[in-house]
Amino acid sequence: MEIKENIPIVLFDNQFYLCIKFAKTVNFFARGKIAIIGHYSEFGKKIREEILDETALDMFWFITKKRAYGGRAALLPLIKSIL
């Protein structure tokens, strides 16, 4: 699975209950336009190795073709992408 094929991507902590709820909400409103990937999945590990660093586990990430936004900085680009 190529990273560029799945952009835009929301990378979230798939072992934390609130993050899972957040990802489900994003998936509902995005209607499948955004790939939802867990930090601890095989594909999530690949993304962290190629694009992000070890501090990536501290927050969720929104990854587009040009940038990777983390945490609160990702909210506005994520909302714009959904709308």
PDB file of N, CA and C in Angstrom:
ATOM      1  N   MET A   1       0.833  -1.174   0.000  1.00  0.00           N
ATOM      2  CA  MET A   1       0.000   0.000   0.000  1.00  0.00           C
ATOM      3  C   MET A   1       0.884   1.244   0.000  1.00  0.00           C
ATOM      4  N   GLU A   2       0.705   2.088  -0.951  1.00  0.00           N
ATOM      5  CA  GLU A   2       1.495   3.308  -1.072  1.00  0.00           C
ATOM      6  C   GLU A   2       0.841   4.443  -0.291  1.00  0.00           C
ATOM      7  N   ILE A   3       1.673   5.252   0.311  1.00  0.00           N
ATOM      8  CA  ILE A   3       1.179   6.384   1.090  1.00  0.00           C
ATOM      9  C   ILE A   3       0.513   7.405   0.177  1.00  0.00           C
ATOM     10  N   LYS A   4       1.108   7.690  -0.955  1.00  0.00           N
ATOM     11  CA  LYS A   4       0.585   8.723  -1.857  1.00  0.00           C
ATOM     12  C   LYS A   4      -0.770   8.350  -2.442  1.00  0.00           C
ATOM     13  N   GLU A   5      -1.090   7.072  -2.504  1.00  0.00           N
ATOM     14  CA  GLU A   5      -2.390   6.637  -3.026  1.00  0.00           C
ATOM     15  C   GLU A   5      -3.525   6.948  -2.059  1.00  0.00           C
ATOM     16  N   ASN A   6      -3.215   7.072  -0.768  1.00  0.00           N
ATOM     17  CA  ASN A   6      -4.242   7.219   0.260  1.00  0.00           C
ATOM     18  C   ASN A   6      -4.393   8.624   0.808  1.00  0.00           C
ATOM     19  N   ILE A   7      -3.726   9.595   0.238  1.00  0.00           N
ATOM     20  CA  ILE A   7      -3.767  10.965   0.763  1.00  0.00           C
ATOM     21  C   ILE A   7      -5.099  11.599   0.399  1.00  0.00           C
ATOM     22  N   PRO A   8      -5.759  12.324   1.257  1.00  0.00           N
ATOM     23  CA  PRO A   8      -5.390  12.756   2.599  1.00  0.00           C
ATOM     24  C   PRO A   8      -5.587  11.640   3.631  1.00  0.00           C
ATOM     25  N   ILE A   9      -4.826  11.730   4.712  1.00  0.00           N
ATOM     26  CA  ILE A   9      -4.817  10.705   5.756  1.00  0.00           C
ATOM     27  C   ILE A   9      -4.988  11.362   7.126  1.00  0.00           C
ATOM     28  N   VAL A  10      -5.791  10.734   7.968  1.00  0.00           N
ATOM     29  CA  VAL A  10      -5.833  11.071   9.387  1.00  0.00           C
ATOM     30  C   VAL A  10      -5.156   9.921  10.111  1.00  0.00           C
ATOM     31  N   LEU A  11      -4.082  10.226  10.818  1.00  0.00           N
ATOM     32  CA  LEU A  11      -3.327   9.236  11.582  1.00  0.00           C
ATOM     33  C   LEU A  11      -3.643   9.471  13.058  1.00  0.00           C
ATOM     34  N   PHE A  12      -4.196   8.465  13.729  1.00  0.00           N
ATOM     35  CA  PHE A  12      -4.670   8.647  15.103  1.00  0.00           C
ATOM     36  C   PHE A  12      -4.221   7.484  15.984  1.00  0.00           C
ATOM     37  N   ASP A  13      -4.342   7.681  17.298  1.00  0.00           N
ATOM     38  CA  ASP A  13      -3.984   6.657  18.278  1.00  0.00           C
ATOM     39  C   ASP A  13      -5.114   5.634  18.348  1.00  0.00           C
ATOM     40  N   ASN A  14      -4.911   4.477  17.752  1.00  0.00           N
ATOM     41  CA  ASN A  14      -5.966   3.473  17.699  1.00  0.00           C
ATOM     42  C   ASN A  14      -6.004   2.574  18.938  1.00  0.00           C
ATOM     43  N   GLN A  15      -5.354   2.988  20.007  1.00  0.00           N
ATOM     44  CA  GLN A  15      -5.432   2.256  21.267  1.00  0.00           C
ATOM     45  C   GLN A  15      -6.044   3.107  22.377  1.00  0.00           C
ATOM     46  N   PHE A  16      -6.487   4.306  22.063  1.00  0.00           N
ATOM     47  CA  PHE A  16      -7.069   5.224  23.037  1.00  0.00           C
ATOM     48  C   PHE A  16      -8.520   5.489  22.652  1.00  0.00           C
ATOM     49  N   TYR A  17      -9.437   5.276  23.604  1.00  0.00           N
ATOM     50  CA  TYR A  17     -10.873   5.321  23.343  1.00  0.00           C
ATOM     51  C   TYR A  17     -11.337   6.635  22.719  1.00  0.00           C
ATOM     52  N   LEU A  18     -10.927   7.775  23.269  1.00  0.00           N
ATOM     53  CA  LEU A  18     -11.387   9.058  22.740  1.00  0.00           C
ATOM     54  C   LEU A  18     -10.878   9.320  21.327  1.00  0.00           C
ATOM     55  N   CYS A  19      -9.666   8.891  21.046  1.00  0.00           N
ATOM     56  CA  CYS A  19      -9.127   9.055  19.690  1.00  0.00           C
ATOM     57  C   CYS A  19      -9.887   8.185  18.686  1.00  0.00           C
ATOM     58  N   ILE A  20     -10.298   7.007  19.125  1.00  0.00           N
ATOM     59  CA  ILE A  20     -11.083   6.136  18.252  1.00  0.00           C
ATOM     60  C   ILE A  20     -12.433   6.787  17.942  1.00  0.00           C
ATOM     61  N   LYS A  21     -13.067   7.364  18.948  1.00  0.00           N
ATOM     62  CA  LYS A  21     -14.338   8.070  18.738  1.00  0.00           C
ATOM     63  C   LYS A  21     -14.154   9.265  17.799  1.00  0.00           C
ATOM     64  N   PHE A  22     -13.061  10.006  17.990  1.00  0.00           N
ATOM     65  CA  PHE A  22     -12.761  11.138  17.116  1.00  0.00           C
ATOM     66  C   PHE A  22     -12.592  10.664  15.670  1.00  0.00           C
ATOM     67  N   ALA A  23     -11.858   9.588  15.473  1.00  0.00           N
ATOM     68  CA  ALA A  23     -11.622   9.063  14.122  1.00  0.00           C
ATOM     69  C   ALA A  23     -12.923   8.581  13.478  1.00  0.00           C
ATOM     70  N   LYS A  24     -13.793   7.967  14.261  1.00  0.00           N
ATOM     71  CA  LYS A  24     -15.087   7.528  13.727  1.00  0.00           C
ATOM     72  C   LYS A  24     -15.938   8.723  13.313  1.00  0.00           C
ATOM     73  N   THR A  25     -15.878   9.799  14.098  1.00  0.00           N
ATOM     74  CA  THR A  25     -16.625  11.008  13.769  1.00  0.00           C
ATOM     75  C   THR A  25     -16.093  11.643  12.489  1.00  0.00           C
ATOM     76  N   VAL A  26     -14.777  11.722  12.371  1.00  0.00           N
ATOM     77  CA  VAL A  26     -14.162  12.267  11.153  1.00  0.00           C
ATOM     78  C   VAL A  26     -14.554  11.420   9.950  1.00  0.00           C
ATOM     79  N   ASN A  27     -14.506  10.113  10.102  1.00  0.00           N
ATOM     80  CA  ASN A  27     -14.857   9.211   9.003  1.00  0.00           C
ATOM     81  C   ASN A  27     -16.315   9.394   8.589  1.00  0.00           C
ATOM     82  N   PHE A  28     -17.200   9.591   9.553  1.00  0.00           N
ATOM     83  CA  PHE A  28     -18.612   9.802   9.255  1.00  0.00           C
ATOM     84  C   PHE A  28     -18.814  11.071   8.432  1.00  0.00           C
ATOM     85  N   PHE A  29     -18.218  12.173   8.869  1.00  0.00           N
ATOM     86  CA  PHE A  29     -18.404  13.446   8.162  1.00  0.00           C
ATOM     87  C   PHE A  29     -17.638  13.509   6.848  1.00  0.00           C
ATOM     88  N   ALA A  30     -16.521  12.821   6.746  1.00  0.00           N
ATOM     89  CA  ALA A  30     -15.726  12.837   5.515  1.00  0.00           C
ATOM     90  C   ALA A  30     -16.311  11.922   4.445  1.00  0.00           C
ATOM     91  N   ARG A  31     -17.169  10.995   4.845  1.00  0.00           N
ATOM     92  CA  ARG A  31     -17.823  10.064   3.912  1.00  0.00           C
ATOM     93  C   ARG A  31     -16.832   9.314   3.034  1.00  0.00           C
ATOM     94  N   GLY A  32     -15.734   8.876   3.640  1.00  0.00           N
ATOM     95  CA  GLY A  32     -14.778   8.044   2.919  1.00  0.00           C
ATOM     96  C   GLY A  32     -13.764   8.798   2.075  1.00  0.00           C
ATOM     97  N   LYS A  33     -13.785  10.134   2.096  1.00  0.00           N
ATOM     98  CA  LYS A  33     -12.823  10.911   1.305  1.00  0.00           C
ATOM     99  C   LYS A  33     -11.442  10.948   1.943  1.00  0.00           C
ATOM    100  N   ILE A  34     -11.364  10.622   3.230  1.00  0.00           N
ATOM    101  CA  ILE A  34     -10.106  10.686   3.968  1.00  0.00           C
ATOM    102  C   ILE A  34      -9.796   9.293   4.518  1.00  0.00           C
ATOM    103  N   ALA A  35      -8.564   8.848   4.323  1.00  0.00           N
ATOM    104  CA  ALA A  35      -8.142   7.557   4.875  1.00  0.00           C
ATOM    105  C   ALA A  35      -7.896   7.721   6.370  1.00  0.00           C
ATOM    106  N   ILE A  36      -8.453   6.833   7.173  1.00  0.00           N
ATOM    107  CA  ILE A  36      -8.298   6.856   8.626  1.00  0.00           C
ATOM    108  C   ILE A  36      -7.363   5.701   8.989  1.00  0.00           C
ATOM    109  N   ILE A  37      -6.189   6.038   9.500  1.00  0.00           N
ATOM    110  CA  ILE A  37      -5.154   5.041   9.783  1.00  0.00           C
ATOM    111  C   ILE A  37      -4.749   5.141  11.257  1.00  0.00           C
ATOM    112  N   GLY A  38      -4.592   4.010  11.920  1.00  0.00           N
ATOM    113  CA  GLY A  38      -4.159   3.978  13.311  1.00  0.00           C
ATOM    114  C   GLY A  38      -2.643   4.036  13.422  1.00  0.00           C
ATOM    115  N   HIS A  39      -2.153   4.689  14.476  1.00  0.00           N
ATOM    116  CA  HIS A  39      -0.713   4.777  14.727  1.00  0.00           C
ATOM    117  C   HIS A  39      -0.059   3.396  14.800  1.00  0.00           C
ATOM    118  N   TYR A  40      -0.761   2.436  15.397  1.00  0.00           N
ATOM    119  CA  TYR A  40      -0.154   1.146  15.688  1.00  0.00           C
ATOM    120  C   TYR A  40      -0.460   0.078  14.648  1.00  0.00           C
ATOM    121  N   SER A  41      -1.117   0.440  13.550  1.00  0.00           N
ATOM    122  CA  SER A  41      -1.324  -0.504  12.454  1.00  0.00           C
ATOM    123  C   SER A  41      -0.033  -0.597  11.643  1.00  0.00           C
ATOM    124  N   GLU A  42       0.071  -1.589  10.792  1.00  0.00           N
ATOM    125  CA  GLU A  42       1.269  -1.753   9.963  1.00  0.00           C
ATOM    126  C   GLU A  42       1.472  -0.540   9.050  1.00  0.00           C
ATOM    127  N   PHE A  43       0.385  -0.070   8.456  1.00  0.00           N
ATOM    128  CA  PHE A  43       0.483   1.089   7.569  1.00  0.00           C
ATOM    129  C   PHE A  43       0.819   2.349   8.359  1.00  0.00           C
ATOM    130  N   GLY A  44       0.279   2.475   9.576  1.00  0.00           N
ATOM    131  CA  GLY A  44       0.595   3.610  10.436  1.00  0.00           C
ATOM    132  C   GLY A  44       2.065   3.649  10.820  1.00  0.00           C
ATOM    133  N   LYS A  45       2.637   2.479  11.099  1.00  0.00           N
ATOM    134  CA  LYS A  45       4.067   2.399  11.408  1.00  0.00           C
ATOM    135  C   LYS A  45       4.904   2.823  10.211  1.00  0.00           C
ATOM    136  N   LYS A  46       4.465   2.422   9.018  1.00  0.00           N
ATOM    137  CA  LYS A  46       5.177   2.798   7.799  1.00  0.00           C
ATOM    138  C   LYS A  46       5.143   4.320   7.596  1.00  0.00           C
ATOM    139  N   ILE A  47       4.008   4.925   7.846  1.00  0.00           N
ATOM    140  CA  ILE A  47       3.879   6.377   7.710  1.00  0.00           C
ATOM    141  C   ILE A  47       4.787   7.084   8.702  1.00  0.00           C
ATOM    142  N   ARG A  48       4.783   6.618   9.952  1.00  0.00           N
ATOM    143  CA  ARG A  48       5.631   7.246  10.973  1.00  0.00           C
ATOM    144  C   ARG A  48       7.102   7.134  10.609  1.00  0.00           C
ATOM    145  N   GLU A  49       7.518   6.026  10.029  1.00  0.00           N
ATOM    146  CA  GLU A  49       8.922   5.849   9.656  1.00  0.00           C
ATOM    147  C   GLU A  49       9.319   6.732   8.480  1.00  0.00           C
ATOM    148  N   GLU A  50       8.438   6.882   7.499  1.00  0.00           N
ATOM    149  CA  GLU A  50       8.775   7.618   6.279  1.00  0.00           C
ATOM    150  C   GLU A  50       8.544   9.119   6.369  1.00  0.00           C
ATOM    151  N   ILE A  51       7.517   9.540   7.079  1.00  0.00           N
ATOM    152  CA  ILE A  51       7.130  10.954   7.068  1.00  0.00           C
ATOM    153  C   ILE A  51       7.374  11.638   8.412  1.00  0.00           C
ATOM    154  N   LEU A  52       6.966  10.999   9.501  1.00  0.00           N
ATOM    155  CA  LEU A  52       6.999  11.620  10.821  1.00  0.00           C
ATOM    156  C   LEU A  52       8.179  11.094  11.639  1.00  0.00           C
ATOM    157  N   ASP A  53       8.246  11.482  12.899  1.00  0.00           N
ATOM    158  CA  ASP A  53       9.303  10.981  13.784  1.00  0.00           C
ATOM    159  C   ASP A  53       8.685  10.321  15.014  1.00  0.00           C
ATOM    160  N   GLU A  54       9.508  10.009  16.013  1.00  0.00           N
ATOM    161  CA  GLU A  54       9.027   9.273  17.174  1.00  0.00           C
ATOM    162  C   GLU A  54       8.067  10.058  18.059  1.00  0.00           C
ATOM    163  N   THR A  55       8.027  11.385  17.938  1.00  0.00           N
ATOM    164  CA  THR A  55       7.077  12.179  18.720  1.00  0.00           C
ATOM    165  C   THR A  55       5.681  12.184  18.093  1.00  0.00           C
ATOM    166  N   ALA A  56       5.515  11.522  16.986  1.00  0.00           N
ATOM    167  CA  ALA A  56       4.226  11.500  16.291  1.00  0.00           C
ATOM    168  C   ALA A  56       3.133  10.829  17.099  1.00  0.00           C
ATOM    169  N   LEU A  57       3.484  10.002  18.054  1.00  0.00           N
ATOM    170  CA  LEU A  57       2.488   9.295  18.848  1.00  0.00           C
ATOM    171  C   LEU A  57       1.781  10.200  19.851  1.00  0.00           C
ATOM    172  N   ASP A  58       2.263  11.417  20.025  1.00  0.00           N
ATOM    173  CA  ASP A  58       1.696  12.329  21.018  1.00  0.00           C
ATOM    174  C   ASP A  58       0.380  12.965  20.583  1.00  0.00           C
ATOM    175  N   MET A  59       0.024  12.895  19.306  1.00  0.00           N
ATOM    176  CA  MET A  59      -1.161  13.587  18.811  1.00  0.00           C
ATOM    177  C   MET A  59      -1.659  12.925  17.531  1.00  0.00           C
ATOM    178  N   PHE A  60      -2.814  13.390  17.046  1.00  0.00           N
ATOM    179  CA  PHE A  60      -3.280  12.903  15.757  1.00  0.00           C
ATOM    180  C   PHE A  60      -2.672  13.770  14.659  1.00  0.00           C
ATOM    181  N   TRP A  61      -2.622  13.234  13.456  1.00  0.00           N
ATOM    182  CA  TRP A  61      -2.015  13.935  12.324  1.00  0.00           C
ATOM    183  C   TRP A  61      -2.961  13.947  11.142  1.00  0.00           C
ATOM    184  N   PHE A  62      -2.959  15.049  10.414  1.00  0.00           N
ATOM    185  CA  PHE A  62      -3.675  15.153   9.146  1.00  0.00           C
ATOM    186  C   PHE A  62      -2.619  15.378   8.073  1.00  0.00           C
ATOM    187  N   ILE A  63      -2.516  14.450   7.151  1.00  0.00           N
ATOM    188  CA  ILE A  63      -1.453  14.468   6.146  1.00  0.00           C
ATOM    189  C   ILE A  63      -2.062  14.704   4.770  1.00  0.00           C
ATOM    190  N   THR A  64      -1.579  15.755   4.096  1.00  0.00           N
ATOM    191  CA  THR A  64      -2.007  16.065   2.730  1.00  0.00           C
ATOM    192  C   THR A  64      -0.836  15.821   1.788  1.00  0.00           C
ATOM    193  N   LYS A  65      -1.006  16.170   0.531  1.00  0.00           N
ATOM    194  CA  LYS A  65       0.076  15.980  -0.448  1.00  0.00           C
ATOM    195  C   LYS A  65       1.300  16.822  -0.129  1.00  0.00           C
ATOM    196  N   LYS A  66       1.086  18.008   0.445  1.00  0.00           N
ATOM    197  CA  LYS A  66       2.198  18.928   0.671  1.00  0.00           C
ATOM    198  C   LYS A  66       2.665  19.014   2.122  1.00  0.00           C
ATOM    199  N   ARG A  67       1.772  18.745   3.092  1.00  0.00           N
ATOM    200  CA  ARG A  67       2.110  18.983   4.504  1.00  0.00           C
ATOM    201  C   ARG A  67       1.542  17.906   5.410  1.00  0.00           C
ATOM    202  N   ALA A  68       2.112  17.877   6.619  1.00  0.00           N
ATOM    203  CA  ALA A  68       1.582  17.051   7.705  1.00  0.00           C
ATOM    204  C   ALA A  68       1.292  17.982   8.873  1.00  0.00           C
ATOM    205  N   TYR A  69       0.036  18.043   9.282  1.00  0.00           N
ATOM    206  CA  TYR A  69      -0.387  18.896  10.381  1.00  0.00           C
ATOM    207  C   TYR A  69      -0.619  18.023  11.610  1.00  0.00           C
ATOM    208  N   GLY A  70      -0.166  18.478  12.774  1.00  0.00           N
ATOM    209  CA  GLY A  70      -0.323  17.688  13.988  1.00  0.00           C
ATOM    210  C   GLY A  70      -1.151  18.383  15.041  1.00  0.00           C
ATOM    211  N   GLY A  71      -1.977  17.621  15.753  1.00  0.00           N
ATOM    212  CA  GLY A  71      -2.744  18.136  16.878  1.00  0.00           C
ATOM    213  C   GLY A  71      -3.731  19.222  16.509  1.00  0.00           C
ATOM    214  N   ARG A  72      -3.753  20.286  17.327  1.00  0.00           N
ATOM    215  CA  ARG A  72      -4.701  21.384  17.093  1.00  0.00           C
ATOM    216  C   ARG A  72      -4.478  22.080  15.762  1.00  0.00           C
ATOM    217  N   ALA A  73      -3.248  22.109  15.287  1.00  0.00           N
ATOM    218  CA  ALA A  73      -2.965  22.748  13.997  1.00  0.00           C
ATOM    219  C   ALA A  73      -3.618  21.991  12.847  1.00  0.00           C
ATOM    220  N   ALA A  74      -3.985  20.744  13.073  1.00  0.00           N
ATOM    221  CA  ALA A  74      -4.593  19.932  12.021  1.00  0.00           C
ATOM    222  C   ALA A  74      -6.099  20.130  11.919  1.00  0.00           C
ATOM    223  N   LEU A  75      -6.720  20.719  12.924  1.00  0.00           N
ATOM    224  CA  LEU A  75      -8.181  20.818  12.929  1.00  0.00           C
ATOM    225  C   LEU A  75      -8.724  21.652  11.781  1.00  0.00           C
ATOM    226  N   LEU A  76      -8.206  22.841  11.562  1.00  0.00           N
ATOM    227  CA  LEU A  76      -8.722  23.696  10.495  1.00  0.00           C
ATOM    228  C   LEU A  76      -8.505  23.087   9.106  1.00  0.00           C
ATOM    229  N   PRO A  77      -7.301  22.597   8.765  1.00  0.00           N
ATOM    230  CA  PRO A  77      -7.148  21.949   7.450  1.00  0.00           C
ATOM    231  C   PRO A  77      -8.046  20.709   7.292  1.00  0.00           C
ATOM    232  N   LEU A  78      -8.264  19.983   8.382  1.00  0.00           N
ATOM    233  CA  LEU A  78      -9.124  18.808   8.339  1.00  0.00           C
ATOM    234  C   LEU A  78     -10.565  19.208   8.052  1.00  0.00           C
ATOM    235  N   ILE A  79     -11.047  20.232   8.736  1.00  0.00           N
ATOM    236  CA  ILE A  79     -12.409  20.705   8.505  1.00  0.00           C
ATOM    237  C   ILE A  79     -12.569  21.227   7.090  1.00  0.00           C
ATOM    238  N   LYS A  80     -11.573  21.964   6.598  1.00  0.00           N
ATOM    239  CA  LYS A  80     -11.636  22.467   5.216  1.00  0.00           C
ATOM    240  C   LYS A  80     -11.674  21.314   4.216  1.00  0.00           C
ATOM    241  N   SER A  81     -10.938  20.264   4.496  1.00  0.00           N
ATOM    242  CA  SER A  81     -10.904  19.109   3.606  1.00  0.00           C
ATOM    243  C   SER A  81     -12.252  18.375   3.593  1.00  0.00           C
ATOM    244  N   ILE A  82     -12.896  18.339   4.741  1.00  0.00           N
ATOM    245  CA  ILE A  82     -14.191  17.663   4.824  1.00  0.00           C
ATOM    246  C   ILE A  82     -15.267  18.457   4.093  1.00  0.00           C
ATOM    247  N   LEU A  83     -15.216  19.784   4.229  1.00  0.00           N
ATOM    248  CA  LEU A  83     -16.232  20.621   3.587  1.00  0.00           C
ATOM    249  C   LEU A  83     -15.913  20.819   2.131  1.00  0.00           C
TER     250      LEU A  83
END
